[in-house]
């Protein structure tokens, strides 16, 4: 989960250099959640493999959950980065949904995580309403279950 220092006001997303750096560090996939209107998406190659940069919507989390599941099931794949304009709202919502999907957290606990992690950042229309609207389009996908051993390896206590 990440964002841009000072926000991404031009909505250009990760630069080619940033994508190359993430690729070199072993990341396999990155998602820009909700704001990448002027962003160039696609695959960046590096000596270690490639980094696939995609758009995402916190109101439609299926692609992000499927990508995370693929990494969990295939440990040779690199981690997944989910970021948004500030690293607060949308990337946090998708991270909270991943905790429900893969770690068995309750929706309530995940929303508390999201609320704590936004560090008081305001939400248009109110924060409870904002996160509730994102979770209204989310449900646990039984096809994306992981083992207890995988949960022990990746999930916070």
N, C-alpha and C. Protein backbone atom coordinates (compact mmCIF):
# COMPACT_ATOMS: atom_id res chain seq x y z
N UNK A 1 0.85 -1.16 0.00
CA UNK A 1 0.00 0.00 0.00
C UNK A 1 0.89 1.22 0.00
N UNK A 2 0.55 2.16 -0.86
CA UNK A 2 1.41 3.32 -1.00
C UNK A 2 0.64 4.48 -1.62
N UNK A 3 1.29 5.61 -1.67
CA UNK A 3 0.76 6.80 -2.31
C UNK A 3 1.89 7.74 -2.65
N UNK A 4 1.55 8.93 -3.11
CA UNK A 4 2.55 9.90 -3.52
C UNK A 4 2.67 10.99 -2.47
N UNK A 5 3.90 11.33 -2.09
CA UNK A 5 4.13 12.43 -1.16
C UNK A 5 3.58 13.70 -1.81
N UNK A 6 2.65 14.33 -1.14
CA UNK A 6 2.01 15.52 -1.69
C UNK A 6 0.88 15.23 -2.66
N UNK A 7 0.59 13.95 -2.88
CA UNK A 7 -0.49 13.57 -3.79
C UNK A 7 -0.03 13.57 -5.24
N UNK A 8 -0.79 12.95 -6.07
CA UNK A 8 -0.51 12.87 -7.51
C UNK A 8 -1.53 13.75 -8.21
N UNK A 9 -1.33 15.07 -8.09
CA UNK A 9 -2.34 16.01 -8.59
C UNK A 9 -2.56 15.91 -10.10
N UNK A 10 -1.52 15.52 -10.85
CA UNK A 10 -1.67 15.38 -12.30
C UNK A 10 -2.19 14.00 -12.69
N UNK A 11 -2.29 13.11 -11.71
CA UNK A 11 -2.83 11.76 -11.91
C UNK A 11 -2.07 10.98 -12.99
N UNK A 12 -0.74 11.10 -12.93
CA UNK A 12 0.09 10.41 -13.91
C UNK A 12 0.59 9.07 -13.41
N UNK A 13 0.43 8.78 -12.14
CA UNK A 13 0.84 7.48 -11.61
C UNK A 13 2.34 7.32 -11.51
N UNK A 14 2.78 6.09 -11.48
CA UNK A 14 4.20 5.79 -11.36
C UNK A 14 4.93 6.12 -12.65
N UNK A 15 6.08 6.75 -12.50
CA UNK A 15 6.91 7.03 -13.67
C UNK A 15 7.56 5.73 -14.16
N UNK A 16 8.09 5.77 -15.36
CA UNK A 16 8.79 4.60 -15.90
C UNK A 16 9.95 4.22 -14.96
N UNK A 17 10.66 5.20 -14.45
CA UNK A 17 11.76 4.92 -13.53
C UNK A 17 11.29 4.26 -12.24
N UNK A 18 10.16 4.71 -11.71
CA UNK A 18 9.61 4.08 -10.51
C UNK A 18 9.18 2.66 -10.78
N UNK A 19 8.59 2.43 -11.95
CA UNK A 19 8.19 1.06 -12.32
C UNK A 19 9.42 0.16 -12.48
N UNK A 20 10.48 0.69 -13.07
CA UNK A 20 11.72 -0.08 -13.22
C UNK A 20 12.31 -0.41 -11.86
N UNK A 21 12.28 0.54 -10.93
CA UNK A 21 12.79 0.31 -9.57
C UNK A 21 12.00 -0.79 -8.88
N UNK A 22 10.66 -0.71 -8.95
CA UNK A 22 9.82 -1.73 -8.32
C UNK A 22 10.08 -3.10 -8.95
N UNK A 23 10.23 -3.13 -10.26
CA UNK A 23 10.53 -4.38 -10.95
C UNK A 23 11.86 -4.94 -10.44
N UNK A 24 12.86 -4.09 -10.36
CA UNK A 24 14.17 -4.52 -9.88
C UNK A 24 14.15 -5.01 -8.45
N UNK A 25 13.20 -4.50 -7.66
CA UNK A 25 13.06 -4.93 -6.26
C UNK A 25 12.20 -6.19 -6.14
N UNK A 26 11.73 -6.71 -7.28
CA UNK A 26 11.00 -7.97 -7.28
C UNK A 26 9.49 -7.87 -7.30
N UNK A 27 8.93 -6.67 -7.35
CA UNK A 27 7.48 -6.54 -7.45
C UNK A 27 7.03 -7.05 -8.81
N UNK A 28 5.91 -7.77 -8.83
CA UNK A 28 5.41 -8.31 -10.09
C UNK A 28 4.24 -7.50 -10.65
N UNK A 29 3.49 -6.85 -9.79
CA UNK A 29 2.27 -6.16 -10.21
C UNK A 29 2.07 -4.91 -9.38
N UNK A 30 1.50 -3.90 -10.01
CA UNK A 30 1.10 -2.69 -9.31
C UNK A 30 -0.25 -2.22 -9.81
N UNK A 31 -1.04 -1.71 -8.90
CA UNK A 31 -2.36 -1.17 -9.23
C UNK A 31 -2.45 0.27 -8.76
N UNK A 32 -2.92 1.16 -9.64
CA UNK A 32 -3.21 2.53 -9.25
C UNK A 32 -4.71 2.61 -9.06
N UNK A 33 -5.13 2.81 -7.83
CA UNK A 33 -6.54 2.75 -7.47
C UNK A 33 -7.23 4.10 -7.63
N UNK A 34 -8.17 4.16 -8.50
CA UNK A 34 -9.18 5.19 -8.63
C UNK A 34 -8.78 6.51 -9.30
N UNK A 35 -7.50 6.83 -9.39
CA UNK A 35 -7.18 8.19 -9.83
C UNK A 35 -6.31 8.31 -11.08
N UNK A 36 -5.88 7.23 -11.70
CA UNK A 36 -4.90 7.32 -12.77
C UNK A 36 -5.41 7.77 -14.12
N UNK A 37 -6.05 8.91 -14.19
CA UNK A 37 -6.67 9.35 -15.44
C UNK A 37 -5.66 9.69 -16.53
N UNK A 38 -4.45 10.09 -16.16
CA UNK A 38 -3.42 10.46 -17.14
C UNK A 38 -2.24 9.50 -17.07
N UNK A 39 -2.50 8.29 -16.64
CA UNK A 39 -1.45 7.32 -16.37
C UNK A 39 -1.20 6.40 -17.55
N UNK A 40 0.08 6.10 -17.79
CA UNK A 40 0.43 5.09 -18.77
C UNK A 40 0.58 3.76 -18.04
N UNK A 41 -0.24 2.79 -18.40
CA UNK A 41 -0.19 1.47 -17.80
C UNK A 41 0.52 0.52 -18.75
N UNK A 42 0.91 -0.62 -18.23
CA UNK A 42 1.52 -1.63 -19.08
C UNK A 42 2.63 -2.37 -18.34
N UNK A 43 3.37 -3.14 -19.10
CA UNK A 43 4.41 -4.01 -18.54
C UNK A 43 5.77 -3.35 -18.70
N UNK A 44 6.55 -3.39 -17.62
CA UNK A 44 7.93 -2.90 -17.62
C UNK A 44 8.84 -4.09 -17.36
N UNK A 45 9.83 -4.28 -18.20
CA UNK A 45 10.76 -5.39 -18.03
C UNK A 45 12.01 -4.93 -17.31
N UNK A 46 12.62 -5.86 -16.59
CA UNK A 46 13.89 -5.60 -15.92
C UNK A 46 14.65 -6.91 -15.86
N UNK A 47 15.85 -6.87 -15.34
CA UNK A 47 16.67 -8.07 -15.25
C UNK A 47 16.03 -9.18 -14.44
N UNK A 48 15.19 -8.82 -13.48
CA UNK A 48 14.54 -9.82 -12.61
C UNK A 48 13.24 -10.37 -13.16
N UNK A 49 12.74 -9.78 -14.22
CA UNK A 49 11.44 -10.22 -14.74
C UNK A 49 10.67 -9.05 -15.30
N UNK A 50 9.44 -8.86 -14.83
CA UNK A 50 8.63 -7.75 -15.31
C UNK A 50 7.67 -7.28 -14.22
N UNK A 51 7.20 -6.06 -14.42
CA UNK A 51 6.26 -5.41 -13.51
C UNK A 51 5.05 -4.99 -14.33
N UNK A 52 3.90 -5.53 -14.01
CA UNK A 52 2.67 -5.26 -14.74
C UNK A 52 1.89 -4.18 -14.00
N UNK A 53 1.74 -3.00 -14.61
CA UNK A 53 1.09 -1.85 -13.98
C UNK A 53 -0.32 -1.70 -14.55
N UNK A 54 -1.33 -1.69 -13.66
CA UNK A 54 -2.73 -1.69 -14.06
C UNK A 54 -3.54 -0.67 -13.27
N UNK A 55 -4.68 -0.33 -13.79
CA UNK A 55 -5.62 0.51 -13.04
C UNK A 55 -6.51 -0.38 -12.20
N UNK A 56 -7.05 0.19 -11.15
CA UNK A 56 -7.97 -0.54 -10.26
C UNK A 56 -9.01 0.42 -9.74
N UNK A 57 -10.08 -0.14 -9.24
CA UNK A 57 -11.14 0.64 -8.59
C UNK A 57 -11.40 0.02 -7.23
N UNK A 58 -11.42 0.85 -6.20
CA UNK A 58 -11.73 0.32 -4.87
C UNK A 58 -13.18 -0.13 -4.78
N UNK A 59 -14.00 0.32 -5.72
CA UNK A 59 -15.39 -0.13 -5.76
C UNK A 59 -15.56 -1.41 -6.57
N UNK A 60 -14.47 -1.88 -7.22
CA UNK A 60 -14.47 -3.13 -7.98
C UNK A 60 -13.15 -3.86 -7.70
N UNK A 61 -13.05 -4.53 -6.57
CA UNK A 61 -11.76 -5.07 -6.11
C UNK A 61 -11.35 -6.41 -6.71
N UNK A 62 -12.14 -7.01 -7.58
CA UNK A 62 -11.88 -8.38 -8.04
C UNK A 62 -10.49 -8.59 -8.63
N UNK A 63 -10.03 -7.70 -9.51
CA UNK A 63 -8.73 -7.89 -10.16
C UNK A 63 -7.59 -7.83 -9.15
N UNK A 64 -7.70 -6.94 -8.19
CA UNK A 64 -6.65 -6.82 -7.17
C UNK A 64 -6.62 -8.09 -6.32
N UNK A 65 -7.77 -8.57 -5.90
CA UNK A 65 -7.81 -9.78 -5.07
C UNK A 65 -7.26 -10.98 -5.85
N UNK A 66 -7.60 -11.09 -7.12
CA UNK A 66 -7.11 -12.21 -7.94
C UNK A 66 -5.59 -12.14 -8.08
N UNK A 67 -5.04 -10.96 -8.25
CA UNK A 67 -3.60 -10.80 -8.40
C UNK A 67 -2.88 -11.15 -7.10
N UNK A 68 -3.40 -10.70 -5.98
CA UNK A 68 -2.80 -11.04 -4.69
C UNK A 68 -2.86 -12.56 -4.48
N UNK A 69 -3.98 -13.16 -4.82
CA UNK A 69 -4.13 -14.61 -4.68
C UNK A 69 -3.09 -15.34 -5.52
N UNK A 70 -2.86 -14.89 -6.73
CA UNK A 70 -1.88 -15.53 -7.61
C UNK A 70 -0.48 -15.47 -6.99
N UNK A 71 -0.14 -14.35 -6.38
CA UNK A 71 1.18 -14.23 -5.74
C UNK A 71 1.28 -15.16 -4.53
N UNK A 72 0.22 -15.24 -3.74
CA UNK A 72 0.24 -16.13 -2.57
C UNK A 72 0.40 -17.58 -3.02
N UNK A 73 -0.30 -17.97 -4.06
CA UNK A 73 -0.26 -19.36 -4.53
C UNK A 73 1.03 -19.68 -5.29
N UNK A 74 1.73 -18.67 -5.78
CA UNK A 74 2.96 -18.86 -6.55
C UNK A 74 4.07 -18.02 -5.93
N UNK A 75 4.71 -18.53 -4.89
CA UNK A 75 5.70 -17.73 -4.16
C UNK A 75 6.83 -17.17 -5.01
N UNK A 76 7.06 -17.70 -6.21
CA UNK A 76 8.08 -17.16 -7.09
C UNK A 76 7.71 -15.81 -7.68
N UNK A 77 6.44 -15.47 -7.64
CA UNK A 77 5.99 -14.16 -8.13
C UNK A 77 6.27 -13.12 -7.05
N UNK A 78 6.54 -11.92 -7.50
CA UNK A 78 6.84 -10.84 -6.56
C UNK A 78 5.60 -10.25 -5.95
N UNK A 79 5.78 -9.42 -4.93
CA UNK A 79 4.64 -8.80 -4.25
C UNK A 79 3.84 -7.87 -5.16
N UNK A 80 2.65 -7.53 -4.70
CA UNK A 80 1.73 -6.64 -5.40
C UNK A 80 1.70 -5.31 -4.66
N UNK A 81 1.88 -4.22 -5.40
CA UNK A 81 1.76 -2.87 -4.83
C UNK A 81 0.39 -2.32 -5.20
N UNK A 82 -0.33 -1.82 -4.22
CA UNK A 82 -1.58 -1.12 -4.47
C UNK A 82 -1.37 0.30 -3.97
N UNK A 83 -1.54 1.27 -4.86
CA UNK A 83 -1.36 2.66 -4.44
C UNK A 83 -2.50 3.51 -4.97
N UNK A 84 -2.60 4.69 -4.40
CA UNK A 84 -3.58 5.67 -4.86
C UNK A 84 -2.94 7.05 -4.79
N UNK A 85 -3.72 8.05 -5.01
CA UNK A 85 -3.21 9.41 -5.09
C UNK A 85 -2.42 9.82 -3.85
N UNK A 86 -2.93 9.52 -2.69
CA UNK A 86 -2.29 9.92 -1.43
C UNK A 86 -1.84 8.72 -0.60
N UNK A 87 -2.27 7.51 -0.95
CA UNK A 87 -1.92 6.34 -0.14
C UNK A 87 -2.79 6.21 1.09
N UNK A 88 -3.97 6.80 1.05
CA UNK A 88 -4.83 6.85 2.23
C UNK A 88 -6.15 6.11 2.01
N UNK A 89 -6.97 6.61 1.14
CA UNK A 89 -8.35 6.12 1.03
C UNK A 89 -8.47 4.84 0.19
N UNK A 90 -8.24 4.94 -1.09
CA UNK A 90 -8.52 3.81 -1.99
C UNK A 90 -7.56 2.65 -1.80
N UNK A 91 -6.27 2.93 -1.69
CA UNK A 91 -5.33 1.83 -1.46
C UNK A 91 -5.60 1.19 -0.10
N UNK A 92 -5.99 1.98 0.86
CA UNK A 92 -6.34 1.44 2.18
C UNK A 92 -7.59 0.58 2.14
N UNK A 93 -8.57 0.99 1.35
CA UNK A 93 -9.80 0.20 1.24
C UNK A 93 -9.50 -1.16 0.61
N UNK A 94 -8.69 -1.16 -0.46
CA UNK A 94 -8.33 -2.43 -1.10
C UNK A 94 -7.50 -3.31 -0.16
N UNK A 95 -6.63 -2.69 0.62
CA UNK A 95 -5.84 -3.44 1.60
C UNK A 95 -6.74 -4.04 2.67
N UNK A 96 -7.71 -3.27 3.11
CA UNK A 96 -8.66 -3.78 4.11
C UNK A 96 -9.47 -4.95 3.55
N UNK A 97 -9.88 -4.86 2.31
CA UNK A 97 -10.61 -5.96 1.68
C UNK A 97 -9.74 -7.20 1.57
N UNK A 98 -8.45 -7.02 1.28
CA UNK A 98 -7.53 -8.16 1.21
C UNK A 98 -7.40 -8.83 2.57
N UNK A 99 -7.42 -8.06 3.64
CA UNK A 99 -7.37 -8.65 4.98
C UNK A 99 -8.61 -9.50 5.27
N UNK A 100 -9.74 -9.07 4.76
CA UNK A 100 -10.97 -9.87 4.91
C UNK A 100 -10.87 -11.13 4.04
N UNK A 101 -10.49 -10.94 2.77
CA UNK A 101 -10.43 -12.05 1.82
C UNK A 101 -9.43 -13.12 2.24
N UNK A 102 -8.23 -12.71 2.59
CA UNK A 102 -7.15 -13.69 2.78
C UNK A 102 -6.84 -14.02 4.23
N UNK A 103 -7.15 -13.13 5.14
CA UNK A 103 -6.75 -13.33 6.53
C UNK A 103 -7.93 -13.65 7.45
N UNK A 104 -9.13 -13.63 6.90
CA UNK A 104 -10.30 -13.96 7.70
C UNK A 104 -10.74 -12.87 8.66
N UNK A 105 -10.25 -11.65 8.44
CA UNK A 105 -10.69 -10.55 9.29
C UNK A 105 -12.17 -10.28 9.06
N UNK A 106 -12.83 -9.77 10.07
CA UNK A 106 -14.21 -9.33 9.88
C UNK A 106 -14.19 -8.00 9.14
N UNK A 107 -15.29 -7.69 8.49
CA UNK A 107 -15.40 -6.40 7.81
C UNK A 107 -15.22 -5.26 8.82
N UNK A 108 -15.77 -5.42 10.00
CA UNK A 108 -15.65 -4.37 11.02
C UNK A 108 -14.19 -4.13 11.39
N UNK A 109 -13.45 -5.21 11.62
CA UNK A 109 -12.02 -5.06 11.98
C UNK A 109 -11.24 -4.42 10.83
N UNK A 110 -11.52 -4.81 9.60
CA UNK A 110 -10.83 -4.25 8.44
C UNK A 110 -11.15 -2.76 8.28
N UNK A 111 -12.39 -2.38 8.52
CA UNK A 111 -12.75 -0.96 8.45
C UNK A 111 -12.06 -0.16 9.55
N UNK A 112 -11.88 -0.76 10.72
CA UNK A 112 -11.13 -0.08 11.80
C UNK A 112 -9.67 0.12 11.39
N UNK A 113 -9.08 -0.91 10.77
CA UNK A 113 -7.71 -0.79 10.24
C UNK A 113 -7.66 0.38 9.26
N UNK A 114 -8.60 0.42 8.31
CA UNK A 114 -8.63 1.48 7.31
C UNK A 114 -8.75 2.85 7.98
N UNK A 115 -9.65 2.96 8.94
CA UNK A 115 -9.88 4.23 9.62
C UNK A 115 -8.62 4.67 10.38
N UNK A 116 -7.98 3.76 11.08
CA UNK A 116 -6.76 4.09 11.82
C UNK A 116 -5.64 4.50 10.87
N UNK A 117 -5.50 3.80 9.76
CA UNK A 117 -4.39 4.03 8.84
C UNK A 117 -4.54 5.32 8.03
N UNK A 118 -5.73 5.88 7.95
CA UNK A 118 -5.89 7.12 7.17
C UNK A 118 -5.44 8.34 7.96
N UNK A 119 -5.09 8.16 9.23
CA UNK A 119 -4.51 9.23 10.06
C UNK A 119 -5.32 10.52 10.04
N UNK A 120 -6.63 10.39 10.09
CA UNK A 120 -7.48 11.58 10.17
C UNK A 120 -7.75 12.27 8.86
N UNK A 121 -7.28 11.74 7.75
CA UNK A 121 -7.55 12.37 6.46
C UNK A 121 -9.05 12.41 6.22
N UNK A 122 -9.59 13.54 5.75
CA UNK A 122 -11.03 13.66 5.55
C UNK A 122 -11.52 12.84 4.36
N UNK A 123 -12.80 12.59 4.35
CA UNK A 123 -13.45 11.85 3.26
C UNK A 123 -14.65 12.67 2.80
N UNK A 124 -14.78 12.82 1.48
CA UNK A 124 -15.96 13.55 1.00
C UNK A 124 -17.20 12.73 1.32
N UNK A 125 -18.18 13.36 1.90
CA UNK A 125 -19.43 12.69 2.25
C UNK A 125 -19.37 11.95 3.58
N UNK A 126 -18.25 12.02 4.27
CA UNK A 126 -18.10 11.34 5.56
C UNK A 126 -17.38 10.01 5.40
N UNK A 127 -16.49 9.71 6.33
CA UNK A 127 -15.64 8.52 6.20
C UNK A 127 -16.38 7.21 6.39
N UNK A 128 -17.31 7.15 7.31
CA UNK A 128 -18.06 5.90 7.48
C UNK A 128 -18.84 5.57 6.21
N UNK A 129 -19.46 6.58 5.63
CA UNK A 129 -20.22 6.36 4.40
C UNK A 129 -19.30 5.97 3.25
N UNK A 130 -18.11 6.59 3.20
CA UNK A 130 -17.18 6.32 2.10
C UNK A 130 -16.73 4.86 2.14
N UNK A 131 -16.23 4.39 3.27
CA UNK A 131 -15.73 3.02 3.34
C UNK A 131 -16.88 2.01 3.22
N UNK A 132 -18.04 2.34 3.78
CA UNK A 132 -19.20 1.45 3.62
C UNK A 132 -19.56 1.28 2.15
N UNK A 133 -19.47 2.36 1.37
CA UNK A 133 -19.81 2.27 -0.06
C UNK A 133 -18.83 1.37 -0.80
N UNK A 134 -17.56 1.38 -0.41
CA UNK A 134 -16.57 0.52 -1.06
C UNK A 134 -16.83 -0.94 -0.70
N UNK A 135 -17.09 -1.21 0.56
CA UNK A 135 -17.35 -2.58 0.98
C UNK A 135 -18.68 -3.11 0.47
N UNK A 136 -19.59 -2.22 0.07
CA UNK A 136 -20.89 -2.70 -0.43
C UNK A 136 -20.72 -3.49 -1.73
N UNK A 137 -19.60 -3.28 -2.44
CA UNK A 137 -19.34 -4.00 -3.68
C UNK A 137 -18.35 -5.15 -3.50
N UNK A 138 -18.05 -5.50 -2.27
CA UNK A 138 -17.06 -6.53 -1.99
C UNK A 138 -17.69 -7.71 -1.27
N UNK A 139 -17.32 -8.89 -1.67
CA UNK A 139 -17.67 -10.09 -0.92
C UNK A 139 -16.51 -11.06 -1.06
N UNK A 140 -16.31 -11.88 -0.06
CA UNK A 140 -15.24 -12.87 -0.09
C UNK A 140 -15.51 -13.85 -1.22
N UNK A 141 -14.49 -14.09 -2.01
CA UNK A 141 -14.59 -15.03 -3.13
C UNK A 141 -14.05 -16.37 -2.66
N UNK A 142 -14.89 -17.39 -2.54
CA UNK A 142 -14.42 -18.69 -2.05
C UNK A 142 -13.37 -19.34 -2.96
N UNK A 143 -13.31 -18.94 -4.23
CA UNK A 143 -12.29 -19.49 -5.14
C UNK A 143 -10.90 -18.95 -4.81
N UNK A 144 -10.82 -17.91 -3.99
CA UNK A 144 -9.54 -17.30 -3.66
C UNK A 144 -9.08 -17.64 -2.24
N UNK A 145 -9.56 -18.74 -1.72
CA UNK A 145 -9.16 -19.17 -0.37
C UNK A 145 -7.68 -19.54 -0.37
N UNK A 146 -7.06 -19.35 0.79
CA UNK A 146 -5.67 -19.77 0.98
C UNK A 146 -5.61 -20.68 2.20
N UNK A 147 -4.53 -21.42 2.32
CA UNK A 147 -4.39 -22.38 3.42
C UNK A 147 -4.07 -21.67 4.74
N UNK A 148 -4.25 -22.40 5.83
CA UNK A 148 -3.90 -21.87 7.15
C UNK A 148 -2.41 -21.54 7.21
N UNK A 149 -1.57 -22.35 6.58
CA UNK A 149 -0.13 -22.10 6.55
C UNK A 149 0.19 -20.80 5.81
N UNK A 150 -0.51 -20.58 4.70
CA UNK A 150 -0.31 -19.34 3.95
C UNK A 150 -0.79 -18.14 4.76
N UNK A 151 -1.90 -18.30 5.44
CA UNK A 151 -2.38 -17.21 6.30
C UNK A 151 -1.36 -16.89 7.38
N UNK A 152 -0.80 -17.93 8.01
CA UNK A 152 0.18 -17.73 9.08
C UNK A 152 1.40 -16.97 8.56
N UNK A 153 1.75 -17.20 7.30
CA UNK A 153 2.94 -16.58 6.73
C UNK A 153 2.73 -15.12 6.35
N UNK A 154 1.50 -14.74 6.00
CA UNK A 154 1.30 -13.39 5.45
C UNK A 154 0.41 -12.46 6.28
N UNK A 155 -0.41 -13.01 7.15
CA UNK A 155 -1.43 -12.20 7.82
C UNK A 155 -0.92 -11.61 9.14
N UNK A 156 -1.29 -10.35 9.39
CA UNK A 156 -0.95 -9.76 10.69
C UNK A 156 -1.71 -10.46 11.79
N UNK A 157 -1.15 -10.47 12.94
CA UNK A 157 -1.80 -11.11 14.11
C UNK A 157 -2.87 -10.22 14.67
